[in-house]
Amino acid sequence: MIRTSLFIRPRLLMAVAMAAVTGLLSCTQEPDKVLPAPKSAEPVVNEEARDYSQYTELAWSDEFTGGQLDDTKWTYEVQDTWFNNELQATTNSPKNLFLAGGVLNIQAQKEVYNGKNYTSARIITRGKKDFGFGRLDVRARLPKGKGIWPAIWMLGSNDQTVPWPACGEIDIMELRGSTPNVNISTVHFGTVPADRKQIGTTKALDSGDFSQAYHTFTFIRSKDMMRWYLDGVEYFKLTPAQVSPYPFNNPFYVILNVAVGGDFDGNPDASTLFPQRMEVEYVKFWNYK
Protein backbone atom coordinates (compact mmCIF):
# COMPACT_ATOMS: atom_id res chain seq x y z
CA MET A 1 0.00 0.00 0.00
CA ILE A 2 1.67 3.19 -1.17
CA ARG A 3 2.30 5.66 1.64
CA THR A 4 2.07 9.32 0.66
CA SER A 5 2.95 10.76 4.06
CA LEU A 6 5.21 9.52 6.82
CA PHE A 7 5.77 9.48 10.54
CA ILE A 8 9.58 9.75 10.83
CA ARG A 9 11.11 8.62 14.10
CA PRO A 10 14.76 9.79 14.33
CA ARG A 11 17.24 7.65 16.23
CA LEU A 12 20.77 8.31 17.45
CA LEU A 13 23.16 5.67 16.11
CA MET A 14 26.11 4.72 18.31
CA ALA A 15 27.54 1.74 16.46
CA VAL A 16 30.66 3.48 15.13
CA ALA A 17 31.61 4.92 18.52
CA MET A 18 31.06 1.61 20.28
CA ALA A 19 33.14 -0.21 17.69
CA ALA A 20 35.99 2.25 18.25
CA VAL A 21 35.86 1.75 22.03
CA THR A 22 35.85 -2.01 21.61
CA GLY A 23 38.88 -1.79 19.38
CA LEU A 24 40.79 0.28 21.97
CA LEU A 25 39.95 -2.15 24.75
CA SER A 26 41.10 -5.09 22.65
CA CYS A 27 44.52 -3.42 22.26
CA THR A 28 45.01 -3.45 26.03
CA GLN A 29 44.86 -7.26 26.34
CA GLU A 30 47.87 -8.87 28.01
CA PRO A 31 50.34 -10.32 25.47
CA ASP A 32 50.06 -13.88 26.73
CA LYS A 33 46.28 -13.90 26.97
CA VAL A 34 44.66 -16.31 24.51
CA LEU A 35 41.65 -14.72 22.87
CA PRO A 36 38.75 -16.83 21.58
CA ALA A 37 38.52 -17.30 17.85
CA PRO A 38 35.96 -15.00 16.20
CA LYS A 39 32.58 -16.55 15.57
CA SER A 40 31.78 -17.37 11.99
CA ALA A 41 28.98 -15.43 10.38
CA GLU A 42 25.48 -16.84 10.68
CA PRO A 43 24.60 -18.72 7.52
CA VAL A 44 22.08 -17.05 5.26
CA VAL A 45 19.06 -19.35 5.05
CA ASN A 46 17.38 -19.97 1.70
CA GLU A 47 19.62 -17.54 -0.18
CA GLU A 48 19.61 -19.67 -3.32
CA ALA A 49 16.52 -19.53 -5.54
CA ARG A 50 14.63 -22.83 -5.63
CA ASP A 51 11.48 -24.11 -7.28
CA TYR A 52 8.17 -23.46 -5.55
CA SER A 53 7.78 -27.14 -4.61
CA GLN A 54 11.17 -27.35 -2.87
CA TYR A 55 10.13 -25.10 0.02
CA THR A 56 8.89 -27.94 2.24
CA GLU A 57 10.12 -27.05 5.75
CA LEU A 58 7.48 -25.08 7.65
CA ALA A 59 9.34 -22.40 9.64
CA TRP A 60 6.45 -20.25 10.91
CA SER A 61 2.67 -20.27 10.60
CA ASP A 62 -0.61 -19.03 11.95
CA GLU A 63 -3.71 -21.05 11.09
CA PHE A 64 -6.03 -18.96 13.29
CA THR A 65 -7.46 -21.91 15.19
CA GLY A 66 -7.76 -20.17 18.56
CA GLY A 67 -10.48 -17.97 19.93
CA GLN A 68 -8.55 -14.74 19.54
CA LEU A 69 -5.61 -13.25 17.69
CA ASP A 70 -2.25 -14.67 18.81
CA ASP A 71 -0.48 -11.68 20.31
CA THR A 72 2.87 -13.48 20.27
CA LYS A 73 2.70 -13.25 16.46
CA TRP A 74 0.65 -10.15 15.67
CA THR A 75 0.15 -6.58 16.85
CA TYR A 76 -2.91 -4.43 16.16
CA GLU A 77 -2.17 -1.05 14.62
CA VAL A 78 -4.85 1.14 16.20
CA GLN A 79 -5.02 4.54 14.56
CA ASP A 80 -7.63 7.09 13.49
CA THR A 81 -5.77 8.62 10.54
CA TRP A 82 -3.96 6.75 7.78
CA PHE A 83 -2.09 7.46 4.61
CA ASN A 84 -3.44 7.81 1.07
CA ASN A 85 -6.55 9.76 2.14
CA GLU A 86 -8.07 6.56 3.52
CA LEU A 87 -11.34 7.01 5.38
CA GLN A 88 -11.20 4.32 8.06
CA ALA A 89 -10.04 4.24 11.64
CA THR A 90 -8.41 0.95 12.58
CA THR A 91 -9.35 -0.64 15.91
CA ASN A 92 -8.80 -3.77 17.98
CA SER A 93 -12.55 -4.27 18.31
CA PRO A 94 -13.99 -7.76 17.68
CA LYS A 95 -16.37 -6.04 15.27
CA ASN A 96 -13.37 -5.37 13.04
CA LEU A 97 -11.23 -8.45 13.65
CA PHE A 98 -12.32 -11.85 14.90
CA LEU A 99 -11.49 -15.53 14.55
CA ALA A 100 -14.19 -18.04 13.67
CA GLY A 101 -13.99 -21.58 12.34
CA GLY A 102 -10.22 -21.42 11.83
CA VAL A 103 -10.45 -18.21 9.81
CA LEU A 104 -9.17 -14.71 10.54
CA ASN A 105 -11.77 -12.10 9.59
CA ILE A 106 -10.73 -8.48 9.02
CA GLN A 107 -13.97 -6.57 8.64
CA ALA A 108 -14.60 -3.05 7.40
CA GLN A 109 -17.74 -1.48 8.87
CA LYS A 110 -19.68 1.64 8.08
CA GLU A 111 -20.02 3.37 11.45
CA VAL A 112 -19.11 6.67 13.06
CA TYR A 113 -16.03 6.29 15.25
CA ASN A 114 -13.60 8.97 16.48
CA GLY A 115 -14.63 11.34 13.73
CA LYS A 116 -14.45 8.71 10.98
CA ASN A 117 -17.34 7.13 9.10
CA TYR A 118 -15.71 3.70 8.71
CA THR A 119 -13.76 1.28 10.88
CA SER A 120 -11.53 -1.67 10.03
CA ALA A 121 -8.44 -3.46 11.35
CA ARG A 122 -4.77 -3.73 10.50
CA ILE A 123 -2.30 -6.21 12.03
CA ILE A 124 1.47 -6.57 11.69
CA THR A 125 4.25 -8.98 12.69
CA ARG A 126 6.78 -6.18 13.29
CA GLY A 127 8.93 -6.89 16.34
CA LYS A 128 7.55 -10.43 16.59
CA LYS A 129 8.51 -12.05 13.30
CA ASP A 130 10.87 -10.80 10.62
CA PHE A 131 10.86 -12.75 7.37
CA GLY A 132 14.01 -13.37 5.38
CA PHE A 133 14.50 -15.52 2.30
CA GLY A 134 11.88 -18.22 1.82
CA ARG A 135 8.30 -18.79 0.65
CA LEU A 136 5.36 -16.96 2.20
CA ASP A 137 1.85 -18.29 1.55
CA VAL A 138 -1.36 -16.47 2.49
CA ARG A 139 -4.64 -18.18 1.68
CA ALA A 140 -7.51 -15.72 1.63
CA ARG A 141 -10.89 -14.74 0.26
CA LEU A 142 -11.20 -11.06 -0.49
CA PRO A 143 -13.91 -8.42 -0.11
CA LYS A 144 -15.25 -6.31 -2.96
CA GLY A 145 -17.11 -3.09 -3.66
CA LYS A 146 -16.16 0.38 -4.78
CA GLY A 147 -13.66 1.92 -2.37
CA ILE A 148 -12.72 -1.34 -0.62
CA TRP A 149 -8.97 -1.96 -0.48
CA PRO A 150 -7.69 -5.25 0.99
CA ALA A 151 -3.95 -5.82 1.13
CA ILE A 152 -1.39 -8.49 1.99
CA TRP A 153 1.96 -6.76 2.08
CA MET A 154 5.35 -6.25 3.73
CA LEU A 155 7.60 -3.44 4.90
CA GLY A 156 11.31 -3.50 5.66
CA SER A 157 11.85 -4.35 9.31
CA ASN A 158 14.19 -1.36 9.61
CA ASP A 159 11.40 1.10 8.76
CA GLN A 160 11.67 2.78 12.17
CA THR A 161 15.20 3.98 11.35
CA VAL A 162 15.21 3.83 7.53
CA PRO A 163 12.00 5.61 6.49
CA TRP A 164 9.81 4.57 3.60
CA PRO A 165 10.48 4.12 0.72
CA ALA A 166 14.17 3.41 1.45
CA CYS A 167 13.18 0.49 3.70
CA GLY A 168 11.28 -1.09 0.79
CA GLU A 169 7.65 -2.13 0.41
CA ILE A 170 6.39 -5.39 -1.10
CA ASP A 171 2.73 -5.61 -2.08
CA ILE A 172 1.97 -9.30 -2.43
CA MET A 173 -1.70 -8.63 -3.05
CA GLU A 174 -3.75 -5.48 -3.36
CA LEU A 175 -7.21 -5.31 -4.85
CA ARG A 176 -9.43 -2.49 -5.98
CA GLY A 177 -12.88 -3.44 -4.79
CA SER A 178 -14.37 -2.02 -8.00
CA THR A 179 -12.40 -4.61 -10.04
CA PRO A 180 -12.56 -7.63 -7.74
CA ASN A 181 -11.15 -10.10 -10.27
CA VAL A 182 -7.72 -8.39 -10.55
CA ASN A 183 -4.85 -8.87 -8.12
CA ILE A 184 -2.19 -6.15 -8.10
CA SER A 185 1.43 -6.85 -7.04
CA THR A 186 3.98 -4.05 -6.67
CA VAL A 187 7.23 -3.04 -5.01
CA HIS A 188 8.00 0.50 -3.85
CA PHE A 189 11.57 1.69 -3.36
CA GLY A 190 13.79 4.77 -3.58
CA THR A 191 15.76 7.03 -1.28
CA VAL A 192 13.16 9.60 -0.20
CA PRO A 193 9.39 9.95 -0.73
CA ALA A 194 9.84 12.52 -3.49
CA ASP A 195 12.03 10.01 -5.35
CA ARG A 196 9.75 7.01 -4.80
CA LYS A 197 9.80 4.42 -7.57
CA GLN A 198 7.50 1.49 -8.15
CA ILE A 199 7.20 -1.45 -10.47
CA GLY A 200 4.45 -4.02 -10.54
CA THR A 201 1.96 -6.11 -12.47
CA THR A 202 -1.61 -7.37 -12.38
CA LYS A 203 -3.03 -10.88 -12.42
CA ALA A 204 -6.66 -11.41 -13.35
CA LEU A 205 -8.71 -14.52 -12.69
CA ASP A 206 -9.90 -16.43 -15.74
CA SER A 207 -13.44 -16.35 -14.34
CA GLY A 208 -15.26 -15.06 -11.29
CA ASP A 209 -13.67 -12.79 -8.70
CA PHE A 210 -11.62 -13.08 -5.53
CA SER A 211 -14.66 -12.80 -3.26
CA GLN A 212 -16.11 -16.08 -4.50
CA ALA A 213 -13.43 -18.54 -3.33
CA TYR A 214 -10.21 -18.79 -1.40
CA HIS A 215 -6.96 -18.33 -3.31
CA THR A 216 -3.33 -18.75 -2.24
CA PHE A 217 -1.12 -15.70 -2.67
CA THR A 218 2.56 -16.67 -2.57
CA PHE A 219 5.73 -14.59 -2.44
CA ILE A 220 9.16 -16.23 -2.71
CA ARG A 221 12.25 -14.23 -1.90
CA SER A 222 15.84 -15.35 -2.46
CA LYS A 223 19.03 -13.33 -2.80
CA ASP A 224 18.51 -10.72 -5.54
CA MET A 225 15.23 -12.27 -6.69
CA MET A 226 11.53 -11.90 -5.87
CA ARG A 227 8.74 -14.06 -7.32
CA TRP A 228 4.95 -13.86 -7.03
CA TYR A 229 2.54 -16.79 -7.47
CA LEU A 230 -1.21 -17.21 -7.52
CA ASP A 231 -2.45 -20.68 -6.59
CA GLY A 232 1.01 -22.10 -7.22
CA VAL A 233 1.56 -20.52 -10.65
CA GLU A 234 4.26 -17.87 -11.08
CA TYR A 235 3.17 -14.63 -12.73
CA PHE A 236 5.82 -12.04 -11.81
CA LYS A 237 9.54 -11.88 -11.07
CA LEU A 238 11.92 -9.03 -10.21
CA THR A 239 15.69 -8.72 -9.73
CA PRO A 240 18.08 -5.79 -9.18
CA ALA A 241 18.22 -5.43 -12.95
CA GLN A 242 14.74 -3.86 -12.74
CA VAL A 243 14.89 -2.43 -9.21
CA SER A 244 17.53 0.02 -7.99
CA PRO A 245 18.22 0.75 -5.18
CA TYR A 246 17.39 -2.77 -4.00
CA PRO A 247 16.52 -3.07 -0.28
CA PHE A 248 14.77 -6.40 -0.77
CA ASN A 249 17.49 -8.69 0.60
CA ASN A 250 16.77 -7.36 4.10
CA PRO A 251 14.28 -8.73 6.67
CA PHE A 252 10.63 -7.68 6.22
CA TYR A 253 7.49 -7.95 8.32
CA VAL A 254 3.94 -8.84 7.22
CA ILE A 255 0.88 -6.58 7.24
CA LEU A 256 -2.75 -7.63 6.73
CA ASN A 257 -5.45 -4.99 6.45
CA VAL A 258 -8.60 -3.75 4.75
CA ALA A 259 -8.71 -0.03 3.97
CA VAL A 260 -11.73 2.01 2.94
CA GLY A 261 -11.60 4.82 0.40
CA GLY A 262 -8.61 6.90 -0.54
CA ASP A 263 -6.42 7.32 -3.57
CA PHE A 264 -6.29 3.69 -4.71
CA ASP A 265 -9.92 2.94 -5.62
CA GLY A 266 -11.69 6.14 -4.64
CA ASN A 267 -14.36 6.30 -1.96
CA PRO A 268 -17.32 3.97 -1.44
CA ASP A 269 -20.52 4.85 -3.25
CA ALA A 270 -24.15 3.77 -3.07
CA SER A 271 -23.25 0.39 -4.62
CA THR A 272 -20.80 -0.52 -1.83
CA LEU A 273 -22.25 -2.93 0.69
CA PHE A 274 -21.05 -3.17 4.31
CA PRO A 275 -19.64 -4.95 6.17
CA GLN A 276 -16.88 -6.23 3.90
CA ARG A 277 -14.44 -8.91 5.09
CA MET A 278 -11.08 -10.30 4.12
CA GLU A 279 -11.04 -13.90 5.34
CA VAL A 280 -7.62 -15.49 5.90
CA GLU A 281 -7.27 -19.25 6.40
CA TYR A 282 -3.56 -19.19 7.11
CA VAL A 283 -0.23 -17.46 6.83
CA LYS A 284 2.68 -19.90 6.37
CA PHE A 285 6.39 -19.37 5.84
CA TRP A 286 8.48 -22.16 4.34
CA ASN A 287 12.20 -22.87 3.98
CA TYR A 288 13.84 -25.44 1.78
CA LYS A 289 15.88 -28.15 3.53
Foldseek 3Di string as FASTA:
>chain_A
DDFLDDDAAADDDCVVVVVVVVVVVVVPDDPPDDDDDDDDDDDDFQQDDDAPVQQDAFDDKDQLPDFADDPLFKDWDFAQDGGQPFQETEDPDVVQWTGDPSKIKGKKFQPDDPNGRIYTIKMKRQPRDWDAFFKKKWKKFFWAAFQKKWWKWKFQSCCNHQPPPQRKIWTLFIDGRDQQQKTKTKIWHDRDSVGIDMDIDIDGDPDDGRNPDIKMWMWGDHNQKIWTDINSHTDDMGGVVVDPPDNRNGIIMIMTIMTGAGDPRHHGDPGGDDIIIMMIRMITTTGRD
